[in-house]
C-alpha atoms as a PDB file:
ATOM      1  CA  MET A   1      36.948 111.044  -7.985  1.00  0.00           C
ATOM      2  CA  ARG A   2      40.272 110.458  -9.732  1.00  0.00           C
ATOM      3  CA  LYS A   3      40.541 110.954 -13.492  1.00  0.00           C
ATOM      4  CA  ASP A   4      41.981 108.078 -15.494  1.00  0.00           C
ATOM      5  CA  SER A   5      44.795 109.590 -17.541  1.00  0.00           C
ATOM      6  CA  ARG A   6      46.064 106.449 -19.279  1.00  0.00           C
ATOM      7  CA  LEU A   7      44.654 107.456 -22.660  1.00  0.00           C
ATOM      8  CA  SER A   8      46.193 110.923 -22.670  1.00  0.00           C
ATOM      9  CA  ARG A   9      49.480 109.578 -21.282  1.00  0.00           C
ATOM     10  CA  MET A  10      49.777 106.888 -23.953  1.00  0.00           C
ATOM     11  CA  LEU A  11      48.917 109.353 -26.713  1.00  0.00           C
ATOM     12  CA  HIS A  12      51.701 111.549 -25.342  1.00  0.00           C
ATOM     13  CA  VAL A  13      54.112 108.584 -25.404  1.00  0.00           C
ATOM     14  CA  LEU A  14      53.184 107.516 -28.934  1.00  0.00           C
ATOM     15  CA  VAL A  15      53.735 110.995 -30.354  1.00  0.00           C
ATOM     16  CA  HIS A  16      57.105 111.154 -28.583  1.00  0.00           C
ATOM     17  CA  LEU A  17      58.093 107.751 -29.990  1.00  0.00           C
ATOM     18  CA  HIS A  18      57.173 109.017 -33.446  1.00  0.00           C
ATOM     19  CA  GLN A  19      59.233 112.182 -33.029  1.00  0.00           C
ATOM     20  CA  LEU A  20      62.262 110.510 -31.431  1.00  0.00           C
ATOM     21  CA  GLN A  21      62.436 107.661 -33.955  1.00  0.00           C
ATOM     22  CA  HIS A  22      64.562 105.495 -31.682  1.00  0.00           C
ATOM     23  CA  ALA A  23      63.893 103.027 -28.884  1.00  0.00           C
ATOM     24  CA  VAL A  24      62.935 104.594 -25.553  1.00  0.00           C
ATOM     25  CA  THR A  25      63.224 102.639 -22.307  1.00  0.00           C
ATOM     26  CA  SER A  26      60.434 102.215 -19.789  1.00  0.00           C
ATOM     27  CA  GLU A  27      62.586 104.121 -17.328  1.00  0.00           C
ATOM     28  CA  GLN A  28      62.861 107.102 -19.676  1.00  0.00           C
ATOM     29  CA  LEU A  29      59.123 107.052 -20.335  1.00  0.00           C
ATOM     30  CA  ALA A  30      58.430 106.791 -16.608  1.00  0.00           C
ATOM     31  CA  LEU A  31      60.516 109.909 -15.973  1.00  0.00           C
ATOM     32  CA  MET A  32      58.635 111.765 -18.677  1.00  0.00           C
ATOM     33  CA  LEU A  33      55.256 110.663 -17.262  1.00  0.00           C
ATOM     34  CA  HIS A  34      56.220 111.028 -13.583  1.00  0.00           C
ATOM     35  CA  THR A  35      55.317 107.426 -12.852  1.00  0.00           C
ATOM     36  CA  ASN A  36      56.904 104.045 -12.198  1.00  0.00           C
ATOM     37  CA  PRO A  37      58.598 102.012 -14.991  1.00  0.00           C
ATOM     38  CA  VAL A  38      56.465  99.010 -14.011  1.00  0.00           C
ATOM     39  CA  VAL A  39      53.328 101.025 -14.755  1.00  0.00           C
ATOM     40  CA  VAL A  40      54.811 102.019 -18.122  1.00  0.00           C
ATOM     41  CA  ARG A  41      55.700  98.414 -18.998  1.00  0.00           C
ATOM     42  CA  ARG A  42      52.264  97.136 -18.019  1.00  0.00           C
ATOM     43  CA  THR A  43      50.472  99.795 -20.036  1.00  0.00           C
ATOM     44  CA  MET A  44      52.773  99.581 -23.049  1.00  0.00           C
ATOM     45  CA  ALA A  45      52.288  95.803 -23.076  1.00  0.00           C
ATOM     46  CA  LEU A  46      48.596  96.420 -23.821  1.00  0.00           C
ATOM     47  CA  LEU A  47      49.599  98.457 -26.878  1.00  0.00           C
ATOM     48  CA  ARG A  48      52.166  95.832 -27.915  1.00  0.00           C
ATOM     49  CA  GLU A  49      49.469  93.126 -27.829  1.00  0.00           C
ATOM     50  CA  GLN A  50      47.535  95.122 -30.426  1.00  0.00           C
ATOM     51  CA  GLY A  51      50.595  95.721 -32.626  1.00  0.00           C
ATOM     52  CA  TYR A  52      50.970  99.471 -32.071  1.00  0.00           C
ATOM     53  CA  VAL A  53      54.379  99.341 -30.361  1.00  0.00           C
ATOM     54  CA  SER A  54      57.306  96.938 -30.229  1.00  0.00           C
ATOM     55  CA  ALA A  55      59.746  96.210 -27.428  1.00  0.00           C
ATOM     56  CA  VAL A  56      63.419  95.573 -28.067  1.00  0.00           C
ATOM     57  CA  LYS A  57      65.423  93.974 -25.263  1.00  0.00           C
ATOM     58  CA  GLY A  58      69.039  94.549 -24.375  1.00  0.00           C
ATOM     59  CA  HIS A  59      71.479  97.421 -24.772  1.00  0.00           C
ATOM     60  CA  GLY A  60      69.946 100.138 -26.915  1.00  0.00           C
ATOM     61  CA  GLY A  61      66.541  98.544 -26.495  1.00  0.00           C
ATOM     62  CA  GLY A  62      63.241  99.998 -25.482  1.00  0.00           C
ATOM     63  CA  TRP A  63      59.866 100.812 -26.971  1.00  0.00           C
ATOM     64  CA  THR A  64      59.334 101.838 -30.594  1.00  0.00           C
ATOM     65  CA  LEU A  65      56.313 102.394 -32.795  1.00  0.00           C
ATOM     66  CA  ALA A  66      55.275  99.306 -34.732  1.00  0.00           C
ATOM     67  CA  LYS A  67      52.784 101.215 -36.904  1.00  0.00           C
ATOM     68  CA  PRO A  68      52.903 104.716 -38.305  1.00  0.00           C
ATOM     69  CA  LEU A  69      50.732 107.257 -36.483  1.00  0.00           C
ATOM     70  CA  HIS A  70      48.451 107.727 -39.502  1.00  0.00           C
ATOM     71  CA  LYS A  71      47.346 104.093 -39.098  1.00  0.00           C
ATOM     72  CA  ILE A  72      46.380 104.428 -35.416  1.00  0.00           C
ATOM     73  CA  THR A  73      43.230 106.155 -34.173  1.00  0.00           C
ATOM     74  CA  LEU A  74      42.264 107.510 -30.777  1.00  0.00           C
ATOM     75  CA  LEU A  75      39.670 104.726 -30.670  1.00  0.00           C
ATOM     76  CA  ASP A  76      42.363 102.083 -31.250  1.00  0.00           C
ATOM     77  CA  ILE A  77      44.305 103.264 -28.227  1.00  0.00           C
ATOM     78  CA  HIS A  78      41.195 103.697 -26.094  1.00  0.00           C
ATOM     79  CA  ARG A  79      40.175 100.098 -26.821  1.00  0.00           C
ATOM     80  CA  SER A  80      43.720  98.775 -26.318  1.00  0.00           C
ATOM     81  CA  LEU A  81      43.777 100.216 -22.827  1.00  0.00           C
ATOM     82  CA  SER A  82      40.573  98.345 -21.990  1.00  0.00           C
ATOM     83  CA  GLU A  83      38.882 101.544 -20.935  1.00  0.00           C
ATOM     84  CA  SER A  84      35.431 100.672 -19.722  1.00  0.00           C
ATOM     85  CA  SER A  85      33.638 103.996 -19.838  1.00  0.00           C
ATOM     86  CA  LEU A  86      34.605 107.497 -20.801  1.00  0.00           C
ATOM     87  CA  PHE A  87      32.436 109.033 -18.127  1.00  0.00           C
ATOM     88  CA  THR A  88      32.540 108.539 -14.397  1.00  0.00           C
ATOM     89  CA  ILE A  89      29.437 110.607 -13.712  1.00  0.00           C
ATOM     90  CA  GLY A  90      26.974 108.864 -11.420  1.00  0.00           C
ATOM     91  CA  LEU A  91      26.066 105.361 -12.476  1.00  0.00           C
ATOM     92  CA  THR A  92      27.417 103.601  -9.418  1.00  0.00           C
ATOM     93  CA  ASP A  93      26.246 100.294  -8.054  1.00  0.00           C
ATOM     94  CA  GLU A  94      27.318 101.150  -4.529  1.00  0.00           C
ATOM     95  CA  HIS A  95      23.781 101.761  -3.264  1.00  0.00           C
ATOM     96  CA  ASN A  96      21.786  99.811  -5.811  1.00  0.00           C
ATOM     97  CA  ASN A  97      18.936  99.317  -3.338  1.00  0.00           C
ATOM     98  CA  CYS A  98      18.487 103.077  -2.975  1.00  0.00           C
ATOM     99  CA  PRO A  99      15.454 104.276  -4.984  1.00  0.00           C
ATOM    100  CA  ILE A 100      16.989 107.728  -5.415  1.00  0.00           C
ATOM    101  CA  GLU A 101      20.184 106.305  -6.922  1.00  0.00           C
ATOM    102  CA  LYS A 102      18.106 104.102  -9.223  1.00  0.00           C
ATOM    103  CA  ALA A 103      16.144 107.144 -10.404  1.00  0.00           C
ATOM    104  CA  VAL A 104      19.288 109.202 -10.955  1.00  0.00           C
ATOM    105  CA  ASN A 105      20.985 106.392 -12.892  1.00  0.00           C
ATOM    106  CA  LEU A 106      17.889 105.845 -15.025  1.00  0.00           C
ATOM    107  CA  ALA A 107      17.647 109.565 -15.803  1.00  0.00           C
ATOM    108  CA  ILE A 108      21.244 110.005 -16.939  1.00  0.00           C
ATOM    109  CA  ASP A 109      22.031 106.578 -18.393  1.00  0.00           C
ATOM    110  CA  ASP A 110      20.607 107.247 -21.878  1.00  0.00           C
ATOM    111  CA  VAL A 111      22.281 110.649 -22.126  1.00  0.00           C
ATOM    112  CA  LEU A 112      25.670 109.249 -21.105  1.00  0.00           C
ATOM    113  CA  GLN A 113      25.382 106.325 -23.512  1.00  0.00           C
ATOM    114  CA  GLU A 114      24.504 108.671 -26.379  1.00  0.00           C
ATOM    115  CA  ALA A 115      27.357 111.043 -25.519  1.00  0.00           C
ATOM    116  CA  GLU A 116      29.835 108.183 -25.244  1.00  0.00           C
ATOM    117  CA  ALA A 117      28.765 106.789 -28.618  1.00  0.00           C
ATOM    118  CA  LEU A 118      29.384 110.186 -30.227  1.00  0.00           C
ATOM    119  CA  VAL A 119      32.800 110.568 -28.589  1.00  0.00           C
ATOM    120  CA  LEU A 120      33.869 107.060 -29.612  1.00  0.00           C
ATOM    121  CA  GLN A 121      32.686 107.675 -33.177  1.00  0.00           C
ATOM    122  CA  ARG A 122      34.820 110.807 -33.314  1.00  0.00           C
ATOM    123  CA  PHE A 123      37.773 108.948 -31.736  1.00  0.00           C
ATOM    124  CA  GLY A 124      37.603 106.543 -34.668  1.00  0.00           C
ATOM    125  CA  GLU A 125      37.984 109.457 -37.089  1.00  0.00           C
ATOM    126  CA  VAL A 126      41.092 110.992 -35.510  1.00  0.00           C
ATOM    127  CA  THR A 127      44.448 109.464 -36.368  1.00  0.00           C
ATOM    128  CA  LEU A 128      47.445 110.081 -34.157  1.00  0.00           C
ATOM    129  CA  ASP A 129      49.416 111.874 -36.864  1.00  0.00           C
ATOM    130  CA  LYS A 130      46.958 114.745 -36.361  1.00  0.00           C
ATOM    131  CA  LEU A 131      48.148 114.988 -32.750  1.00  0.00           C
ATOM    132  CA  ALA A 132      51.748 115.329 -33.912  1.00  0.00           C
ATOM    133  CA  ALA A 133      50.941 117.891 -36.623  1.00  0.00           C
ATOM    134  CA  GLY A 134      52.571 121.230 -36.002  1.00  0.00           C
ATOM    135  CA  TYR A 135      54.843 119.870 -33.295  1.00  0.00           C
ATOM    136  CA  THR A 136      58.536 120.454 -33.832  1.00  0.00           C
ATOM    137  CA  PRO A 137      60.868 118.691 -31.424  1.00  0.00           C
ATOM    138  CA  VAL A 138      63.380 120.883 -29.657  1.00  0.00           C
ATOM    139  CA  ALA A 139      66.910 120.126 -30.814  1.00  0.00           C
ATOM    140  CA  GLY A 140      69.326 119.175 -28.145  1.00  0.00           C
END
């Protein structure tokens, strides 16, 4: 089972954009994230739609923050990325005719829903400036 790292990757990017305070290209972000610039553009477009980042075209262009970090929460970014569920434990529909899978899903569904609600509540309380606190960019 592969972990979805889009949330942590975009938090990483947003803190870097805050620290750098200049436009950063999709290519530069892709190098930093060890991914493809197309993936960066597609994911950043989700954040742009919600007003968290801006894109500037042309020479010297790239991605910049459109809102200060203290006005963006973990929950904002989670929702912008259209994350469906925080947990990938069980709860599949692959064998929905299997009575054992039905029993397992029934047993853990309430617990997972309660845990997810608590995590999302906490996400709404954490602003991204807290992620950048104590970080000092290396000069160079």
